[in-house]
Amino acid sequence: MSMKTDIKTEIAMLLLKKGWTREKLVKEMGSRLNKKYSSSNLGNKLRLETIPYREIKLIADILGYDIEFVDRDKK
């Protein structure tokens, strides 16, 4: 994903690739976080780009992705 792509678009693209809806993701997040989590809550965090990194890691885990930092100087 490019640096110009916002987190909302990146998550939407990942959901599409996996065939998931945001509602399905939210339900799984709520289950794993053991708290009420709504689609509008996630939507607001993504739109405002205020989603915590721990929730980004959780989304990646739920969807079967790893987050990796790659040293661009070593490519």
PDB file of N, CA and C in Angstrom:
ATOM      1  N   MET A   1       0.849  -1.176   0.000  1.00  0.00           N
ATOM      2  CA  MET A   1       0.000   0.000   0.000  1.00  0.00           C
ATOM      3  C   MET A   1       0.898   1.243   0.000  1.00  0.00           C
ATOM      4  N   SER A   2       0.472   2.242  -0.677  1.00  0.00           N
ATOM      5  CA  SER A   2       1.300   3.442  -0.764  1.00  0.00           C
ATOM      6  C   SER A   2       1.091   4.330   0.446  1.00  0.00           C
ATOM      7  N   MET A   3       2.019   5.250   0.625  1.00  0.00           N
ATOM      8  CA  MET A   3       1.932   6.190   1.745  1.00  0.00           C
ATOM      9  C   MET A   3       0.737   7.126   1.586  1.00  0.00           C
ATOM     10  N   LYS A   4       0.218   7.249   0.382  1.00  0.00           N
ATOM     11  CA  LYS A   4      -0.905   8.154   0.139  1.00  0.00           C
ATOM     12  C   LYS A   4      -2.245   7.510   0.490  1.00  0.00           C
ATOM     13  N   THR A   5      -2.267   6.183   0.645  1.00  0.00           N
ATOM     14  CA  THR A   5      -3.503   5.486   0.962  1.00  0.00           C
ATOM     15  C   THR A   5      -3.800   5.653   2.450  1.00  0.00           C
ATOM     16  N   ASP A   6      -5.018   6.079   2.781  1.00  0.00           N
ATOM     17  CA  ASP A   6      -5.359   6.238   4.188  1.00  0.00           C
ATOM     18  C   ASP A   6      -5.765   4.900   4.796  1.00  0.00           C
ATOM     19  N   ILE A   7      -5.799   4.838   6.122  1.00  0.00           N
ATOM     20  CA  ILE A   7      -6.071   3.596   6.827  1.00  0.00           C
ATOM     21  C   ILE A   7      -7.472   3.068   6.520  1.00  0.00           C
ATOM     22  N   LYS A   8      -8.418   3.959   6.352  1.00  0.00           N
ATOM     23  CA  LYS A   8      -9.794   3.545   6.040  1.00  0.00           C
ATOM     24  C   LYS A   8      -9.827   2.761   4.725  1.00  0.00           C
ATOM     25  N   THR A   9      -9.137   3.263   3.717  1.00  0.00           N
ATOM     26  CA  THR A   9      -9.089   2.611   2.415  1.00  0.00           C
ATOM     27  C   THR A   9      -8.329   1.289   2.501  1.00  0.00           C
ATOM     28  N   GLU A  10      -7.228   1.277   3.246  1.00  0.00           N
ATOM     29  CA  GLU A  10      -6.446   0.048   3.384  1.00  0.00           C
ATOM     30  C   GLU A  10      -7.266  -1.056   4.041  1.00  0.00           C
ATOM     31  N   ILE A  11      -7.985  -0.725   5.119  1.00  0.00           N
ATOM     32  CA  ILE A  11      -8.815  -1.722   5.804  1.00  0.00           C
ATOM     33  C   ILE A  11      -9.934  -2.188   4.873  1.00  0.00           C
ATOM     34  N   ALA A  12     -10.547  -1.266   4.159  1.00  0.00           N
ATOM     35  CA  ALA A  12     -11.615  -1.632   3.219  1.00  0.00           C
ATOM     36  C   ALA A  12     -11.088  -2.588   2.153  1.00  0.00           C
ATOM     37  N   MET A  13      -9.887  -2.359   1.649  1.00  0.00           N
ATOM     38  CA  MET A  13      -9.300  -3.222   0.629  1.00  0.00           C
ATOM     39  C   MET A  13      -8.998  -4.607   1.196  1.00  0.00           C
ATOM     40  N   LEU A  14      -8.507  -4.663   2.428  1.00  0.00           N
ATOM     41  CA  LEU A  14      -8.227  -5.953   3.057  1.00  0.00           C
ATOM     42  C   LEU A  14      -9.515  -6.739   3.287  1.00  0.00           C
ATOM     43  N   LEU A  15     -10.560  -6.041   3.742  1.00  0.00           N
ATOM     44  CA  LEU A  15     -11.852  -6.700   3.950  1.00  0.00           C
ATOM     45  C   LEU A  15     -12.373  -7.277   2.637  1.00  0.00           C
ATOM     46  N   LEU A  16     -12.265  -6.507   1.592  1.00  0.00           N
ATOM     47  CA  LEU A  16     -12.725  -6.946   0.276  1.00  0.00           C
ATOM     48  C   LEU A  16     -11.959  -8.187  -0.190  1.00  0.00           C
ATOM     49  N   LYS A  17     -10.633  -8.171  -0.015  1.00  0.00           N
ATOM     50  CA  LYS A  17      -9.801  -9.316  -0.412  1.00  0.00           C
ATOM     51  C   LYS A  17     -10.205 -10.587   0.323  1.00  0.00           C
ATOM     52  N   LYS A  18     -10.576 -10.443   1.597  1.00  0.00           N
ATOM     53  CA  LYS A  18     -10.930 -11.595   2.413  1.00  0.00           C
ATOM     54  C   LYS A  18     -12.412 -11.954   2.332  1.00  0.00           C
ATOM     55  N   GLY A  19     -13.205 -11.087   1.678  1.00  0.00           N
ATOM     56  CA  GLY A  19     -14.630 -11.350   1.577  1.00  0.00           C
ATOM     57  C   GLY A  19     -15.383 -11.092   2.871  1.00  0.00           C
ATOM     58  N   TRP A  20     -14.854 -10.210   3.689  1.00  0.00           N
ATOM     59  CA  TRP A  20     -15.464  -9.868   4.975  1.00  0.00           C
ATOM     60  C   TRP A  20     -16.212  -8.548   4.845  1.00  0.00           C
ATOM     61  N   THR A  21     -17.222  -8.377   5.696  1.00  0.00           N
ATOM     62  CA  THR A  21     -17.897  -7.084   5.827  1.00  0.00           C
ATOM     63  C   THR A  21     -17.336  -6.392   7.061  1.00  0.00           C
ATOM     64  N   ARG A  22     -17.543  -5.093   7.136  1.00  0.00           N
ATOM     65  CA  ARG A  22     -17.106  -4.371   8.326  1.00  0.00           C
ATOM     66  C   ARG A  22     -17.864  -4.881   9.551  1.00  0.00           C
ATOM     67  N   GLU A  23     -19.133  -5.243   9.365  1.00  0.00           N
ATOM     68  CA  GLU A  23     -19.939  -5.744  10.474  1.00  0.00           C
ATOM     69  C   GLU A  23     -19.367  -7.052  11.031  1.00  0.00           C
ATOM     70  N   LYS A  24     -18.917  -7.933  10.135  1.00  0.00           N
ATOM     71  CA  LYS A  24     -18.317  -9.189  10.578  1.00  0.00           C
ATOM     72  C   LYS A  24     -17.026  -8.913  11.349  1.00  0.00           C
ATOM     73  N   LEU A  25     -16.226  -7.983  10.844  1.00  0.00           N
ATOM     74  CA  LEU A  25     -14.983  -7.603  11.515  1.00  0.00           C
ATOM     75  C   LEU A  25     -15.268  -7.032  12.893  1.00  0.00           C
ATOM     76  N   VAL A  26     -16.238  -6.142  12.972  1.00  0.00           N
ATOM     77  CA  VAL A  26     -16.587  -5.493  14.243  1.00  0.00           C
ATOM     78  C   VAL A  26     -17.054  -6.529  15.266  1.00  0.00           C
ATOM     79  N   LYS A  27     -17.839  -7.484  14.816  1.00  0.00           N
ATOM     80  CA  LYS A  27     -18.327  -8.532  15.714  1.00  0.00           C
ATOM     81  C   LYS A  27     -17.152  -9.330  16.282  1.00  0.00           C
ATOM     82  N   GLU A  28     -16.203  -9.687  15.430  1.00  0.00           N
ATOM     83  CA  GLU A  28     -15.033 -10.438  15.886  1.00  0.00           C
ATOM     84  C   GLU A  28     -14.155  -9.587  16.800  1.00  0.00           C
ATOM     85  N   MET A  29     -14.005  -8.307  16.483  1.00  0.00           N
ATOM     86  CA  MET A  29     -13.214  -7.422  17.344  1.00  0.00           C
ATOM     87  C   MET A  29     -13.845  -7.323  18.726  1.00  0.00           C
ATOM     88  N   GLY A  30     -15.156  -7.142  18.769  1.00  0.00           N
ATOM     89  CA  GLY A  30     -15.857  -7.061  20.046  1.00  0.00           C
ATOM     90  C   GLY A  30     -15.678  -8.323  20.861  1.00  0.00           C
ATOM     91  N   SER A  31     -15.728  -9.453  20.192  1.00  0.00           N
ATOM     92  CA  SER A  31     -15.545 -10.740  20.868  1.00  0.00           C
ATOM     93  C   SER A  31     -14.138 -10.851  21.450  1.00  0.00           C
ATOM     94  N   ARG A  32     -13.153 -10.495  20.668  1.00  0.00           N
ATOM     95  CA  ARG A  32     -11.763 -10.611  21.132  1.00  0.00           C
ATOM     96  C   ARG A  32     -11.405  -9.574  22.182  1.00  0.00           C
ATOM     97  N   LEU A  33     -11.995  -8.374  22.076  1.00  0.00           N
ATOM     98  CA  LEU A  33     -11.717  -7.326  23.051  1.00  0.00           C
ATOM     99  C   LEU A  33     -12.604  -7.456  24.285  1.00  0.00           C
ATOM    100  N   ASN A  34     -13.593  -8.352  24.200  1.00  0.00           N
ATOM    101  CA  ASN A  34     -14.538  -8.571  25.284  1.00  0.00           C
ATOM    102  C   ASN A  34     -15.247  -7.274  25.690  1.00  0.00           C
ATOM    103  N   LYS A  35     -15.674  -6.527  24.657  1.00  0.00           N
ATOM    104  CA  LYS A  35     -16.423  -5.297  24.898  1.00  0.00           C
ATOM    105  C   LYS A  35     -17.299  -5.000  23.692  1.00  0.00           C
ATOM    106  N   LYS A  36     -18.266  -4.127  23.900  1.00  0.00           N
ATOM    107  CA  LYS A  36     -19.146  -3.727  22.811  1.00  0.00           C
ATOM    108  C   LYS A  36     -18.356  -2.861  21.831  1.00  0.00           C
ATOM    109  N   TYR A  37     -18.448  -3.218  20.578  1.00  0.00           N
ATOM    110  CA  TYR A  37     -17.722  -2.498  19.538  1.00  0.00           C
ATOM    111  C   TYR A  37     -18.674  -2.364  18.367  1.00  0.00           C
ATOM    112  N   SER A  38     -18.880  -1.161  17.877  1.00  0.00           N
ATOM    113  CA  SER A  38     -19.866  -0.955  16.809  1.00  0.00           C
ATOM    114  C   SER A  38     -19.194  -0.567  15.496  1.00  0.00           C
ATOM    115  N   SER A  39     -19.926  -0.784  14.421  1.00  0.00           N
ATOM    116  CA  SER A  39     -19.441  -0.425  13.096  1.00  0.00           C
ATOM    117  C   SER A  39     -19.215   1.085  13.000  1.00  0.00           C
ATOM    118  N   SER A  40     -20.104   1.857  13.605  1.00  0.00           N
ATOM    119  CA  SER A  40     -19.937   3.317  13.547  1.00  0.00           C
ATOM    120  C   SER A  40     -18.713   3.754  14.350  1.00  0.00           C
ATOM    121  N   ASN A  41     -18.441   3.059  15.460  1.00  0.00           N
ATOM    122  CA  ASN A  41     -17.261   3.367  16.263  1.00  0.00           C
ATOM    123  C   ASN A  41     -15.997   3.134  15.441  1.00  0.00           C
ATOM    124  N   LEU A  42     -15.917   1.971  14.790  1.00  0.00           N
ATOM    125  CA  LEU A  42     -14.761   1.677  13.950  1.00  0.00           C
ATOM    126  C   LEU A  42     -14.688   2.652  12.782  1.00  0.00           C
ATOM    127  N   GLY A  43     -15.824   2.926  12.156  1.00  0.00           N
ATOM    128  CA  GLY A  43     -15.856   3.856  11.031  1.00  0.00           C
ATOM    129  C   GLY A  43     -15.334   5.237  11.398  1.00  0.00           C
ATOM    130  N   ASN A  44     -15.728   5.718  12.566  1.00  0.00           N
ATOM    131  CA  ASN A  44     -15.257   7.035  13.027  1.00  0.00           C
ATOM    132  C   ASN A  44     -13.754   7.025  13.272  1.00  0.00           C
ATOM    133  N   LYS A  45     -13.259   5.971  13.916  1.00  0.00           N
ATOM    134  CA  LYS A  45     -11.819   5.883  14.179  1.00  0.00           C
ATOM    135  C   LYS A  45     -11.025   5.845  12.870  1.00  0.00           C
ATOM    136  N   LEU A  46     -11.551   5.119  11.892  1.00  0.00           N
ATOM    137  CA  LEU A  46     -10.858   5.043  10.604  1.00  0.00           C
ATOM    138  C   LEU A  46     -10.940   6.365   9.848  1.00  0.00           C
ATOM    139  N   ARG A  47     -12.117   6.969   9.848  1.00  0.00           N
ATOM    140  CA  ARG A  47     -12.304   8.236   9.126  1.00  0.00           C
ATOM    141  C   ARG A  47     -11.434   9.343   9.718  1.00  0.00           C
ATOM    142  N   LEU A  48     -11.368   9.384  11.050  1.00  0.00           N
ATOM    143  CA  LEU A  48     -10.600  10.431  11.729  1.00  0.00           C
ATOM    144  C   LEU A  48      -9.128  10.052  11.904  1.00  0.00           C
ATOM    145  N   GLU A  49      -8.801   8.819  11.518  1.00  0.00           N
ATOM    146  CA  GLU A  49      -7.446   8.290  11.672  1.00  0.00           C
ATOM    147  C   GLU A  49      -6.970   8.366  13.120  1.00  0.00           C
ATOM    148  N   THR A  50      -7.854   7.942  14.033  1.00  0.00           N
ATOM    149  CA  THR A  50      -7.534   7.936  15.460  1.00  0.00           C
ATOM    150  C   THR A  50      -7.530   6.519  16.026  1.00  0.00           C
ATOM    151  N   ILE A  51      -7.522   5.525  15.172  1.00  0.00           N
ATOM    152  CA  ILE A  51      -7.553   4.142  15.631  1.00  0.00           C
ATOM    153  C   ILE A  51      -6.212   3.764  16.257  1.00  0.00           C
ATOM    154  N   PRO A  52      -6.251   3.182  17.458  1.00  0.00           N
ATOM    155  CA  PRO A  52      -4.986   2.809  18.108  1.00  0.00           C
ATOM    156  C   PRO A  52      -4.267   1.695  17.353  1.00  0.00           C
ATOM    157  N   TYR A  53      -2.966   1.691  17.456  1.00  0.00           N
ATOM    158  CA  TYR A  53      -2.147   0.685  16.777  1.00  0.00           C
ATOM    159  C   TYR A  53      -2.527  -0.717  17.237  1.00  0.00           C
ATOM    160  N   ARG A  54      -2.855  -0.889  18.510  1.00  0.00           N
ATOM    161  CA  ARG A  54      -3.234  -2.220  19.000  1.00  0.00           C
ATOM    162  C   ARG A  54      -4.476  -2.733  18.284  1.00  0.00           C
ATOM    163  N   GLU A  55      -5.400  -1.840  17.910  1.00  0.00           N
ATOM    164  CA  GLU A  55      -6.585  -2.258  17.164  1.00  0.00           C
ATOM    165  C   GLU A  55      -6.239  -2.562  15.703  1.00  0.00           C
ATOM    166  N   ILE A  56      -5.281  -1.859  15.149  1.00  0.00           N
ATOM    167  CA  ILE A  56      -4.799  -2.162  13.798  1.00  0.00           C
ATOM    168  C   ILE A  56      -4.170  -3.553  13.802  1.00  0.00           C
ATOM    169  N   LYS A  57      -3.363  -3.853  14.834  1.00  0.00           N
ATOM    170  CA  LYS A  57      -2.752  -5.181  14.941  1.00  0.00           C
ATOM    171  C   LYS A  57      -3.824  -6.250  15.086  1.00  0.00           C
ATOM    172  N   LEU A  58      -4.865  -5.955  15.843  1.00  0.00           N
ATOM    173  CA  LEU A  58      -5.960  -6.904  16.025  1.00  0.00           C
ATOM    174  C   LEU A  58      -6.674  -7.163  14.698  1.00  0.00           C
ATOM    175  N   ILE A  59      -6.966  -6.116  13.949  1.00  0.00           N
ATOM    176  CA  ILE A  59      -7.612  -6.266  12.642  1.00  0.00           C
ATOM    177  C   ILE A  59      -6.742  -7.127  11.727  1.00  0.00           C
ATOM    178  N   ALA A  60      -5.453  -6.848  11.705  1.00  0.00           N
ATOM    179  CA  ALA A  60      -4.536  -7.638  10.872  1.00  0.00           C
ATOM    180  C   ALA A  60      -4.584  -9.108  11.294  1.00  0.00           C
ATOM    181  N   ASP A  61      -4.562  -9.365  12.583  1.00  0.00           N
ATOM    182  CA  ASP A  61      -4.597 -10.736  13.074  1.00  0.00           C
ATOM    183  C   ASP A  61      -5.901 -11.429  12.689  1.00  0.00           C
ATOM    184  N   ILE A  62      -7.009 -10.758  12.878  1.00  0.00           N
ATOM    185  CA  ILE A  62      -8.315 -11.324  12.537  1.00  0.00           C
ATOM    186  C   ILE A  62      -8.373 -11.696  11.063  1.00  0.00           C
ATOM    187  N   LEU A  63      -7.835 -10.831  10.220  1.00  0.00           N
ATOM    188  CA  LEU A  63      -7.891 -11.060   8.776  1.00  0.00           C
ATOM    189  C   LEU A  63      -6.756 -11.958   8.256  1.00  0.00           C
ATOM    190  N   GLY A  64      -5.866 -12.370   9.161  1.00  0.00           N
ATOM    191  CA  GLY A  64      -4.803 -13.286   8.770  1.00  0.00           C
ATOM    192  C   GLY A  64      -3.581 -12.618   8.176  1.00  0.00           C
ATOM    193  N   TYR A  65      -3.318 -11.392   8.581  1.00  0.00           N
ATOM    194  CA  TYR A  65      -2.150 -10.659   8.088  1.00  0.00           C
ATOM    195  C   TYR A  65      -1.173 -10.392   9.219  1.00  0.00           C
ATOM    196  N   ASP A  66       0.092 -10.216   8.861  1.00  0.00           N
ATOM    197  CA  ASP A  66       1.120  -9.768   9.788  1.00  0.00           C
ATOM    198  C   ASP A  66       1.508  -8.349   9.396  1.00  0.00           C
ATOM    199  N   ILE A  67       1.849  -7.561  10.385  1.00  0.00           N
ATOM    200  CA  ILE A  67       2.373  -6.220  10.131  1.00  0.00           C
ATOM    201  C   ILE A  67       3.882  -6.311  10.300  1.00  0.00           C
ATOM    202  N   GLU A  68       4.583  -5.825   9.306  1.00  0.00           N
ATOM    203  CA  GLU A  68       6.037  -5.921   9.333  1.00  0.00           C
ATOM    204  C   GLU A  68       6.646  -4.584   8.949  1.00  0.00           C
ATOM    205  N   PHE A  69       7.650  -4.177   9.691  1.00  0.00           N
ATOM    206  CA  PHE A  69       8.393  -2.973   9.330  1.00  0.00           C
ATOM    207  C   PHE A  69       9.613  -3.415   8.543  1.00  0.00           C
ATOM    208  N   VAL A  70       9.780  -2.854   7.360  1.00  0.00           N
ATOM    209  CA  VAL A  70      10.861  -3.242   6.475  1.00  0.00           C
ATOM    210  C   VAL A  70      11.797  -2.043   6.303  1.00  0.00           C
ATOM    211  N   ASP A  71      13.054  -2.293   6.551  1.00  0.00           N
ATOM    212  CA  ASP A  71      14.070  -1.252   6.394  1.00  0.00           C
ATOM    213  C   ASP A  71      14.252  -0.982   4.900  1.00  0.00           C
ATOM    214  N   ARG A  72      13.835   0.182   4.442  1.00  0.00           N
ATOM    215  CA  ARG A  72      13.911   0.518   3.017  1.00  0.00           C
ATOM    216  C   ARG A  72      15.346   0.570   2.519  1.00  0.00           C
ATOM    217  N   ASP A  73      16.273   0.878   3.417  1.00  0.00           N
ATOM    218  CA  ASP A  73      17.683   0.943   3.023  1.00  0.00           C
ATOM    219  C   ASP A  73      18.262  -0.446   2.758  1.00  0.00           C
ATOM    220  N   LYS A  74      17.597  -1.490   3.244  1.00  0.00           N
ATOM    221  CA  LYS A  74      18.094  -2.852   3.081  1.00  0.00           C
ATOM    222  C   LYS A  74      17.425  -3.591   1.936  1.00  0.00           C
ATOM    223  N   LYS A  75      16.481  -2.942   1.243  1.00  0.00           N
ATOM    224  CA  LYS A  75      15.772  -3.591   0.138  1.00  0.00           C
ATOM    225  C   LYS A  75      16.678  -3.808  -1.042  1.00  0.00           C
TER     226      LYS A  75
END
